[in-house]
Amino acid sequence: MNESLCLVDPIMAVMESAFDPAFGEAWNRRQIADALAMPSTHALVIDEGGRIVGRDNEGSPAGFVLTRHAADEEELLLIAVMPEYRKRGLGKLLIDQFFAAAKARGTTRVFLEMRRGNPAIELYRKTGFEPIGERPNYYRLANGSRVDAITFGCSI
């Protein structure tokens, strides 16, 4: 069994708390498990103190990042911090640790996509991401309305 599959439960615990259902951004358990089963997908889960949660530390998850690597690029698929642990630097810590791991995998450029209006834009800009593209009316919200997607890139 893929060792990263042990992260499904902690990731789901964070996701269920961190993602507002109105935006439809959360993945389901199957999507997470399928992604983690792929060798190009990487995940990191941390507790409220920034310690890595996994086989060696069974702490309570506070945040996670999920990424996918291809050639010299990597995409940040999902990042989340539970609401009660936000504004404590955990999101920046997750991105910093993601960048370090991505560099070790030979990554030189990182991408992400977010819905327009996502407050995480502050974190992304603080960690070096810049907008590079837009997809009009890309995301469909729970109420049926549409919102643009903004693509960001960052050289690491």
N, C-alpha and C. Protein backbone atom coordinates (compact mmCIF):
# COMPACT_ATOMS: atom_id res chain seq x y z
N MET A 1 0.84 -1.19 0.00
CA MET A 1 0.00 0.00 0.00
C MET A 1 0.89 1.26 0.00
N ASN A 2 0.49 2.26 -0.78
CA ASN A 2 1.20 3.53 -0.84
C ASN A 2 1.18 4.18 0.54
N GLU A 3 2.37 4.52 1.05
CA GLU A 3 2.47 5.09 2.39
C GLU A 3 1.69 6.38 2.54
N SER A 4 1.56 7.17 1.48
CA SER A 4 0.84 8.43 1.59
C SER A 4 -0.66 8.24 1.75
N LEU A 5 -1.17 7.04 1.49
CA LEU A 5 -2.60 6.80 1.68
C LEU A 5 -3.02 6.93 3.14
N CYS A 6 -2.06 6.81 4.07
CA CYS A 6 -2.39 7.00 5.48
C CYS A 6 -2.75 8.46 5.76
N LEU A 7 -2.56 9.34 4.79
CA LEU A 7 -2.89 10.75 4.97
C LEU A 7 -4.32 11.10 4.57
N VAL A 8 -5.06 10.14 4.04
CA VAL A 8 -6.43 10.42 3.60
C VAL A 8 -7.27 10.94 4.76
N ASP A 9 -7.26 10.25 5.90
CA ASP A 9 -8.10 10.68 7.03
C ASP A 9 -7.73 12.07 7.54
N PRO A 10 -6.43 12.36 7.78
CA PRO A 10 -6.11 13.71 8.24
C PRO A 10 -6.45 14.80 7.21
N ILE A 11 -6.23 14.52 5.93
CA ILE A 11 -6.58 15.50 4.90
C ILE A 11 -8.08 15.75 4.90
N MET A 12 -8.87 14.69 4.98
CA MET A 12 -10.32 14.86 4.98
C MET A 12 -10.79 15.63 6.22
N ALA A 13 -10.16 15.41 7.36
CA ALA A 13 -10.53 16.14 8.59
C ALA A 13 -10.34 17.64 8.39
N VAL A 14 -9.22 18.02 7.78
CA VAL A 14 -8.96 19.44 7.52
C VAL A 14 -9.93 19.96 6.47
N MET A 15 -10.09 19.21 5.39
CA MET A 15 -10.93 19.67 4.29
C MET A 15 -12.37 19.91 4.73
N GLU A 16 -12.91 19.01 5.53
CA GLU A 16 -14.30 19.15 5.97
C GLU A 16 -14.49 20.40 6.82
N SER A 17 -13.45 20.82 7.52
CA SER A 17 -13.52 22.01 8.35
C SER A 17 -13.20 23.29 7.57
N ALA A 18 -12.28 23.20 6.62
CA ALA A 18 -11.71 24.40 6.01
C ALA A 18 -12.43 24.90 4.76
N PHE A 19 -13.11 24.03 4.02
CA PHE A 19 -13.71 24.44 2.75
C PHE A 19 -15.19 24.73 2.92
N ASP A 20 -15.61 25.92 2.53
CA ASP A 20 -17.01 26.33 2.58
C ASP A 20 -17.77 25.61 1.46
N PRO A 21 -18.81 24.85 1.80
CA PRO A 21 -19.56 24.12 0.76
C PRO A 21 -20.16 25.01 -0.32
N ALA A 22 -20.35 26.29 -0.04
CA ALA A 22 -20.93 27.21 -1.03
C ALA A 22 -20.07 27.32 -2.28
N PHE A 23 -18.77 27.05 -2.15
CA PHE A 23 -17.87 27.21 -3.29
C PHE A 23 -17.59 25.90 -4.02
N GLY A 24 -17.94 24.76 -3.43
CA GLY A 24 -17.77 23.48 -4.10
C GLY A 24 -16.32 23.11 -4.40
N GLU A 25 -15.37 23.59 -3.59
CA GLU A 25 -13.95 23.36 -3.86
C GLU A 25 -13.39 22.10 -3.20
N ALA A 26 -14.06 21.60 -2.19
CA ALA A 26 -13.55 20.44 -1.46
C ALA A 26 -13.61 19.19 -2.34
N TRP A 27 -12.62 18.35 -2.18
CA TRP A 27 -12.61 17.06 -2.86
C TRP A 27 -13.24 16.04 -1.93
N ASN A 28 -13.74 14.94 -2.51
CA ASN A 28 -14.27 13.88 -1.67
C ASN A 28 -13.16 12.87 -1.35
N ARG A 29 -13.48 11.95 -0.47
CA ARG A 29 -12.51 10.96 0.01
C ARG A 29 -11.90 10.16 -1.15
N ARG A 30 -12.71 9.77 -2.08
CA ARG A 30 -12.25 8.98 -3.23
C ARG A 30 -11.26 9.77 -4.08
N GLN A 31 -11.57 11.04 -4.32
CA GLN A 31 -10.66 11.88 -5.11
C GLN A 31 -9.30 12.01 -4.43
N ILE A 32 -9.31 12.19 -3.11
CA ILE A 32 -8.05 12.31 -2.36
C ILE A 32 -7.28 10.99 -2.43
N ALA A 33 -7.96 9.88 -2.16
CA ALA A 33 -7.29 8.58 -2.18
C ALA A 33 -6.72 8.26 -3.56
N ASP A 34 -7.49 8.54 -4.61
CA ASP A 34 -7.01 8.30 -5.97
C ASP A 34 -5.79 9.16 -6.29
N ALA A 35 -5.82 10.42 -5.88
CA ALA A 35 -4.67 11.30 -6.13
C ALA A 35 -3.45 10.80 -5.39
N LEU A 36 -3.60 10.43 -4.12
CA LEU A 36 -2.47 9.98 -3.31
C LEU A 36 -1.89 8.66 -3.81
N ALA A 37 -2.68 7.88 -4.52
CA ALA A 37 -2.19 6.61 -5.05
C ALA A 37 -1.26 6.80 -6.25
N MET A 38 -1.25 7.99 -6.81
CA MET A 38 -0.40 8.28 -7.97
C MET A 38 0.99 8.70 -7.48
N PRO A 39 2.04 8.14 -8.06
CA PRO A 39 3.40 8.47 -7.60
C PRO A 39 3.80 9.92 -7.82
N SER A 40 3.12 10.64 -8.70
CA SER A 40 3.46 12.03 -8.97
C SER A 40 2.77 13.01 -8.02
N THR A 41 1.90 12.49 -7.15
CA THR A 41 1.17 13.33 -6.21
C THR A 41 1.84 13.27 -4.85
N HIS A 42 1.95 14.43 -4.22
CA HIS A 42 2.63 14.54 -2.93
C HIS A 42 1.74 15.30 -1.95
N ALA A 43 1.78 14.90 -0.69
CA ALA A 43 0.98 15.57 0.34
C ALA A 43 1.82 15.79 1.58
N LEU A 44 1.48 16.83 2.28
CA LEU A 44 2.10 17.15 3.56
C LEU A 44 0.98 17.61 4.48
N VAL A 45 0.92 17.03 5.67
CA VAL A 45 -0.07 17.41 6.67
C VAL A 45 0.69 17.86 7.91
N ILE A 46 0.26 19.00 8.48
CA ILE A 46 0.91 19.49 9.69
C ILE A 46 -0.11 19.69 10.81
N ASP A 47 0.40 19.68 12.05
CA ASP A 47 -0.47 19.95 13.20
C ASP A 47 -0.40 21.44 13.53
N GLU A 48 -1.06 21.86 14.60
CA GLU A 48 -1.14 23.29 14.92
C GLU A 48 0.21 23.91 15.26
N GLY A 49 1.19 23.09 15.62
CA GLY A 49 2.53 23.57 15.90
C GLY A 49 3.45 23.52 14.70
N GLY A 50 2.93 23.10 13.54
CA GLY A 50 3.73 23.03 12.32
C GLY A 50 4.49 21.73 12.16
N ARG A 51 4.26 20.77 13.07
CA ARG A 51 4.94 19.47 12.98
C ARG A 51 4.21 18.60 11.96
N ILE A 52 4.99 17.79 11.24
CA ILE A 52 4.42 16.92 10.22
C ILE A 52 3.60 15.82 10.87
N VAL A 53 2.40 15.62 10.37
CA VAL A 53 1.50 14.56 10.84
C VAL A 53 1.66 13.38 9.89
N GLY A 54 1.83 12.20 10.43
CA GLY A 54 1.99 11.00 9.62
C GLY A 54 2.30 9.83 10.51
N ARG A 55 3.02 8.87 9.98
CA ARG A 55 3.32 7.66 10.73
C ARG A 55 4.08 7.92 12.03
N ASP A 56 5.03 8.87 12.02
CA ASP A 56 5.84 9.12 13.21
C ASP A 56 5.15 10.05 14.21
N ASN A 57 4.31 10.95 13.74
CA ASN A 57 3.61 11.89 14.62
C ASN A 57 2.13 11.80 14.30
N GLU A 58 1.40 11.24 15.20
CA GLU A 58 -0.04 11.09 14.98
C GLU A 58 -0.80 12.25 15.58
N GLY A 59 -0.22 13.45 15.53
CA GLY A 59 -0.88 14.65 16.04
C GLY A 59 -2.16 14.94 15.29
N SER A 60 -2.91 15.89 15.80
CA SER A 60 -4.15 16.30 15.16
C SER A 60 -3.85 17.22 13.99
N PRO A 61 -4.40 16.93 12.84
CA PRO A 61 -4.10 17.76 11.67
C PRO A 61 -4.70 19.15 11.78
N ALA A 62 -3.93 20.14 11.33
CA ALA A 62 -4.40 21.53 11.30
C ALA A 62 -4.39 22.08 9.89
N GLY A 63 -3.54 21.51 9.01
CA GLY A 63 -3.46 21.99 7.64
C GLY A 63 -2.78 20.98 6.74
N PHE A 64 -2.96 21.14 5.44
CA PHE A 64 -2.32 20.23 4.48
C PHE A 64 -2.09 20.95 3.17
N VAL A 65 -1.21 20.37 2.38
CA VAL A 65 -0.99 20.77 1.00
C VAL A 65 -0.93 19.50 0.15
N LEU A 66 -1.53 19.54 -1.03
CA LEU A 66 -1.54 18.42 -1.97
C LEU A 66 -1.05 18.95 -3.31
N THR A 67 -0.03 18.28 -3.88
CA THR A 67 0.58 18.76 -5.12
C THR A 67 0.76 17.62 -6.11
N ARG A 68 0.99 18.02 -7.38
CA ARG A 68 1.26 17.04 -8.43
C ARG A 68 2.47 17.51 -9.23
N HIS A 69 3.42 16.60 -9.41
CA HIS A 69 4.69 16.91 -10.08
C HIS A 69 4.70 16.32 -11.49
N ALA A 70 5.23 17.09 -12.44
CA ALA A 70 5.44 16.61 -13.82
C ALA A 70 6.64 17.34 -14.40
N ALA A 71 7.63 16.59 -14.84
CA ALA A 71 8.87 17.14 -15.40
C ALA A 71 9.48 18.12 -14.40
N ASP A 72 9.66 19.38 -14.79
CA ASP A 72 10.25 20.36 -13.86
C ASP A 72 9.21 21.34 -13.33
N GLU A 73 7.94 20.94 -13.39
CA GLU A 73 6.85 21.79 -12.90
C GLU A 73 6.05 21.04 -11.84
N GLU A 74 5.38 21.81 -11.00
CA GLU A 74 4.52 21.21 -9.98
C GLU A 74 3.30 22.11 -9.82
N GLU A 75 2.16 21.47 -9.61
CA GLU A 75 0.92 22.19 -9.40
C GLU A 75 0.47 22.01 -7.96
N LEU A 76 0.15 23.11 -7.33
CA LEU A 76 -0.44 23.08 -5.99
C LEU A 76 -1.93 22.82 -6.22
N LEU A 77 -2.37 21.61 -5.92
CA LEU A 77 -3.76 21.22 -6.17
C LEU A 77 -4.70 21.74 -5.10
N LEU A 78 -4.32 21.55 -3.86
CA LEU A 78 -5.14 21.97 -2.72
C LEU A 78 -4.24 22.40 -1.57
N ILE A 79 -4.67 23.40 -0.84
CA ILE A 79 -4.02 23.79 0.40
C ILE A 79 -5.14 24.26 1.32
N ALA A 80 -5.04 23.88 2.59
CA ALA A 80 -6.07 24.28 3.54
C ALA A 80 -5.51 24.30 4.95
N VAL A 81 -6.03 25.22 5.74
CA VAL A 81 -5.76 25.29 7.17
C VAL A 81 -7.11 25.41 7.85
N MET A 82 -7.32 24.64 8.91
CA MET A 82 -8.58 24.71 9.64
C MET A 82 -8.80 26.15 10.12
N PRO A 83 -10.04 26.62 10.10
CA PRO A 83 -10.32 28.02 10.46
C PRO A 83 -9.74 28.44 11.81
N GLU A 84 -9.78 27.58 12.80
CA GLU A 84 -9.29 27.96 14.13
C GLU A 84 -7.77 28.13 14.20
N TYR A 85 -7.05 27.69 13.16
CA TYR A 85 -5.59 27.81 13.14
C TYR A 85 -5.08 28.80 12.09
N ARG A 86 -5.98 29.53 11.45
CA ARG A 86 -5.58 30.49 10.42
C ARG A 86 -4.95 31.72 11.05
N LYS A 87 -4.20 32.44 10.24
CA LYS A 87 -3.51 33.68 10.64
C LYS A 87 -2.43 33.42 11.69
N ARG A 88 -1.85 32.21 11.68
CA ARG A 88 -0.76 31.85 12.58
C ARG A 88 0.50 31.46 11.81
N GLY A 89 0.48 31.62 10.50
CA GLY A 89 1.65 31.30 9.69
C GLY A 89 1.70 29.87 9.18
N LEU A 90 0.66 29.08 9.43
CA LEU A 90 0.68 27.68 8.99
C LEU A 90 0.58 27.56 7.47
N GLY A 91 -0.20 28.41 6.83
CA GLY A 91 -0.30 28.37 5.37
C GLY A 91 1.04 28.67 4.72
N LYS A 92 1.74 29.69 5.22
CA LYS A 92 3.07 30.02 4.69
C LYS A 92 4.05 28.89 4.96
N LEU A 93 3.98 28.29 6.14
CA LEU A 93 4.84 27.16 6.46
C LEU A 93 4.59 26.01 5.49
N LEU A 94 3.33 25.70 5.20
CA LEU A 94 3.02 24.64 4.24
C LEU A 94 3.61 24.94 2.87
N ILE A 95 3.47 26.18 2.41
CA ILE A 95 4.01 26.53 1.09
C ILE A 95 5.54 26.49 1.11
N ASP A 96 6.15 26.99 2.17
CA ASP A 96 7.61 26.94 2.27
C ASP A 96 8.12 25.50 2.23
N GLN A 97 7.45 24.61 2.97
CA GLN A 97 7.86 23.20 2.98
C GLN A 97 7.58 22.55 1.63
N PHE A 98 6.49 22.91 1.00
CA PHE A 98 6.17 22.42 -0.34
C PHE A 98 7.26 22.85 -1.33
N PHE A 99 7.65 24.14 -1.29
CA PHE A 99 8.70 24.63 -2.19
C PHE A 99 10.00 23.85 -1.99
N ALA A 100 10.39 23.61 -0.75
CA ALA A 100 11.64 22.88 -0.48
C ALA A 100 11.57 21.47 -1.05
N ALA A 101 10.45 20.78 -0.83
CA ALA A 101 10.29 19.41 -1.35
C ALA A 101 10.24 19.42 -2.88
N ALA A 102 9.56 20.40 -3.45
CA ALA A 102 9.45 20.48 -4.91
C ALA A 102 10.83 20.73 -5.54
N LYS A 103 11.62 21.61 -4.94
CA LYS A 103 12.98 21.85 -5.44
C LYS A 103 13.79 20.56 -5.42
N ALA A 104 13.63 19.78 -4.35
CA ALA A 104 14.36 18.51 -4.24
C ALA A 104 13.92 17.53 -5.33
N ARG A 105 12.71 17.67 -5.85
CA ARG A 105 12.22 16.82 -6.94
C ARG A 105 12.62 17.37 -8.31
N GLY A 106 13.34 18.50 -8.34
CA GLY A 106 13.77 19.09 -9.60
C GLY A 106 12.82 20.12 -10.17
N THR A 107 11.88 20.56 -9.40
CA THR A 107 10.90 21.55 -9.85
C THR A 107 11.54 22.93 -9.93
N THR A 108 11.24 23.65 -11.01
CA THR A 108 11.71 25.03 -11.15
C THR A 108 10.56 26.03 -11.22
N ARG A 109 9.36 25.54 -11.52
CA ARG A 109 8.19 26.42 -11.64
C ARG A 109 6.99 25.74 -11.01
N VAL A 110 6.21 26.54 -10.27
CA VAL A 110 5.03 26.04 -9.57
C VAL A 110 3.81 26.84 -10.03
N PHE A 111 2.69 26.15 -10.14
CA PHE A 111 1.44 26.77 -10.57
C PHE A 111 0.32 26.44 -9.58
N LEU A 112 -0.69 27.29 -9.59
CA LEU A 112 -1.92 27.00 -8.86
C LEU A 112 -3.05 27.74 -9.53
N GLU A 113 -4.25 27.33 -9.22
CA GLU A 113 -5.44 27.99 -9.75
C GLU A 113 -6.39 28.21 -8.59
N MET A 114 -7.02 29.37 -8.55
CA MET A 114 -7.98 29.67 -7.48
C MET A 114 -9.16 30.43 -8.05
N ARG A 115 -10.25 30.42 -7.32
CA ARG A 115 -11.42 31.19 -7.75
C ARG A 115 -11.20 32.66 -7.40
N ARG A 116 -11.68 33.52 -8.25
CA ARG A 116 -11.62 34.96 -7.97
C ARG A 116 -12.35 35.21 -6.65
N GLY A 117 -11.75 36.04 -5.81
CA GLY A 117 -12.36 36.38 -4.53
C GLY A 117 -11.90 35.50 -3.37
N ASN A 118 -11.07 34.51 -3.65
CA ASN A 118 -10.56 33.64 -2.58
C ASN A 118 -9.59 34.46 -1.72
N PRO A 119 -9.83 34.53 -0.40
CA PRO A 119 -8.95 35.33 0.44
C PRO A 119 -7.52 34.79 0.53
N ALA A 120 -7.28 33.57 0.06
CA ALA A 120 -5.92 33.01 0.08
C ALA A 120 -4.98 33.75 -0.85
N ILE A 121 -5.50 34.66 -1.66
CA ILE A 121 -4.65 35.42 -2.58
C ILE A 121 -3.55 36.14 -1.82
N GLU A 122 -3.81 36.61 -0.61
CA GLU A 122 -2.79 37.29 0.20
C GLU A 122 -1.61 36.35 0.47
N LEU A 123 -1.92 35.12 0.86
CA LEU A 123 -0.88 34.13 1.12
C LEU A 123 -0.09 33.83 -0.15
N TYR A 124 -0.79 33.64 -1.26
CA TYR A 124 -0.11 33.30 -2.51
C TYR A 124 0.84 34.42 -2.94
N ARG A 125 0.39 35.65 -2.86
CA ARG A 125 1.25 36.77 -3.24
C ARG A 125 2.45 36.89 -2.29
N LYS A 126 2.22 36.68 -0.99
CA LYS A 126 3.29 36.77 0.01
C LYS A 126 4.37 35.72 -0.23
N THR A 127 4.00 34.59 -0.82
CA THR A 127 4.97 33.51 -1.04
C THR A 127 5.53 33.51 -2.47
N GLY A 128 5.26 34.57 -3.23
CA GLY A 128 5.91 34.74 -4.53
C GLY A 128 5.07 34.42 -5.76
N PHE A 129 3.83 33.99 -5.59
CA PHE A 129 2.98 33.71 -6.74
C PHE A 129 2.50 35.00 -7.39
N GLU A 130 2.45 34.99 -8.72
CA GLU A 130 1.95 36.12 -9.49
C GLU A 130 0.88 35.62 -10.46
N PRO A 131 -0.18 36.40 -10.70
CA PRO A 131 -1.20 35.96 -11.66
C PRO A 131 -0.62 35.89 -13.07
N ILE A 132 -0.95 34.81 -13.77
CA ILE A 132 -0.44 34.64 -15.14
C ILE A 132 -1.55 34.34 -16.15
N GLY A 133 -2.77 34.13 -15.66
CA GLY A 133 -3.86 33.84 -16.58
C GLY A 133 -5.20 33.83 -15.88
N GLU A 134 -6.23 33.74 -16.70
CA GLU A 134 -7.59 33.78 -16.18
C GLU A 134 -8.49 32.89 -17.03
N ARG A 135 -9.43 32.23 -16.38
CA ARG A 135 -10.45 31.43 -17.09
C ARG A 135 -11.80 31.99 -16.69
N PRO A 136 -12.43 32.75 -17.57
CA PRO A 136 -13.73 33.35 -17.23
C PRO A 136 -14.80 32.29 -16.95
N ASN A 137 -15.57 32.55 -15.90
CA ASN A 137 -16.72 31.70 -15.54
C ASN A 137 -16.37 30.23 -15.40
N TYR A 138 -15.18 29.93 -14.91
CA TYR A 138 -14.68 28.56 -14.85
C TYR A 138 -15.34 27.72 -13.76
N TYR A 139 -15.46 28.27 -12.57
CA TYR A 139 -16.01 27.51 -11.44
C TYR A 139 -17.52 27.73 -11.33
N ARG A 140 -18.23 26.63 -11.05
CA ARG A 140 -19.68 26.72 -10.79
C ARG A 140 -19.87 26.58 -9.28
N LEU A 141 -20.50 27.58 -8.67
CA LEU A 141 -20.74 27.56 -7.24
C LEU A 141 -21.97 26.72 -6.92
N ALA A 142 -22.16 26.41 -5.65
CA ALA A 142 -23.28 25.58 -5.22
C ALA A 142 -24.63 26.18 -5.62
N ASN A 143 -24.71 27.51 -5.69
CA ASN A 143 -25.97 28.16 -6.07
C ASN A 143 -26.16 28.26 -7.59
N GLY A 144 -25.21 27.71 -8.35
CA GLY A 144 -25.32 27.70 -9.81
C GLY A 144 -24.62 28.86 -10.50
N SER A 145 -24.24 29.89 -9.76
CA SER A 145 -23.55 31.01 -10.39
C SER A 145 -22.12 30.60 -10.75
N ARG A 146 -21.50 31.41 -11.59
CA ARG A 146 -20.15 31.12 -12.07
C ARG A 146 -19.18 32.18 -11.57
N VAL A 147 -17.92 31.75 -11.42
CA VAL A 147 -16.87 32.68 -11.00
C VAL A 147 -15.60 32.36 -11.77
N ASP A 148 -14.80 33.37 -12.03
CA ASP A 148 -13.56 33.20 -12.80
C ASP A 148 -12.53 32.42 -12.00
N ALA A 149 -11.65 31.74 -12.72
CA ALA A 149 -10.46 31.11 -12.15
C ALA A 149 -9.27 31.97 -12.50
N ILE A 150 -8.37 32.14 -11.56
CA ILE A 150 -7.14 32.88 -11.80
C ILE A 150 -5.99 31.89 -11.64
N THR A 151 -5.10 31.84 -12.63
CA THR A 151 -3.94 30.97 -12.58
C THR A 151 -2.74 31.80 -12.12
N PHE A 152 -1.96 31.22 -11.21
CA PHE A 152 -0.77 31.87 -10.67
C PHE A 152 0.44 30.99 -10.95
N GLY A 153 1.59 31.64 -11.10
CA GLY A 153 2.84 30.94 -11.29
C GLY A 153 3.91 31.52 -10.38
N CYS A 154 4.92 30.70 -10.10
CA CYS A 154 6.01 31.12 -9.25
C CYS A 154 7.25 30.30 -9.61
N SER A 155 8.36 30.98 -9.85
CA SER A 155 9.63 30.28 -10.06
C SER A 155 10.26 30.02 -8.70
N ILE A 156 10.78 28.80 -8.54
CA ILE A 156 11.41 28.48 -7.24
C ILE A 156 12.84 28.04 -7.44
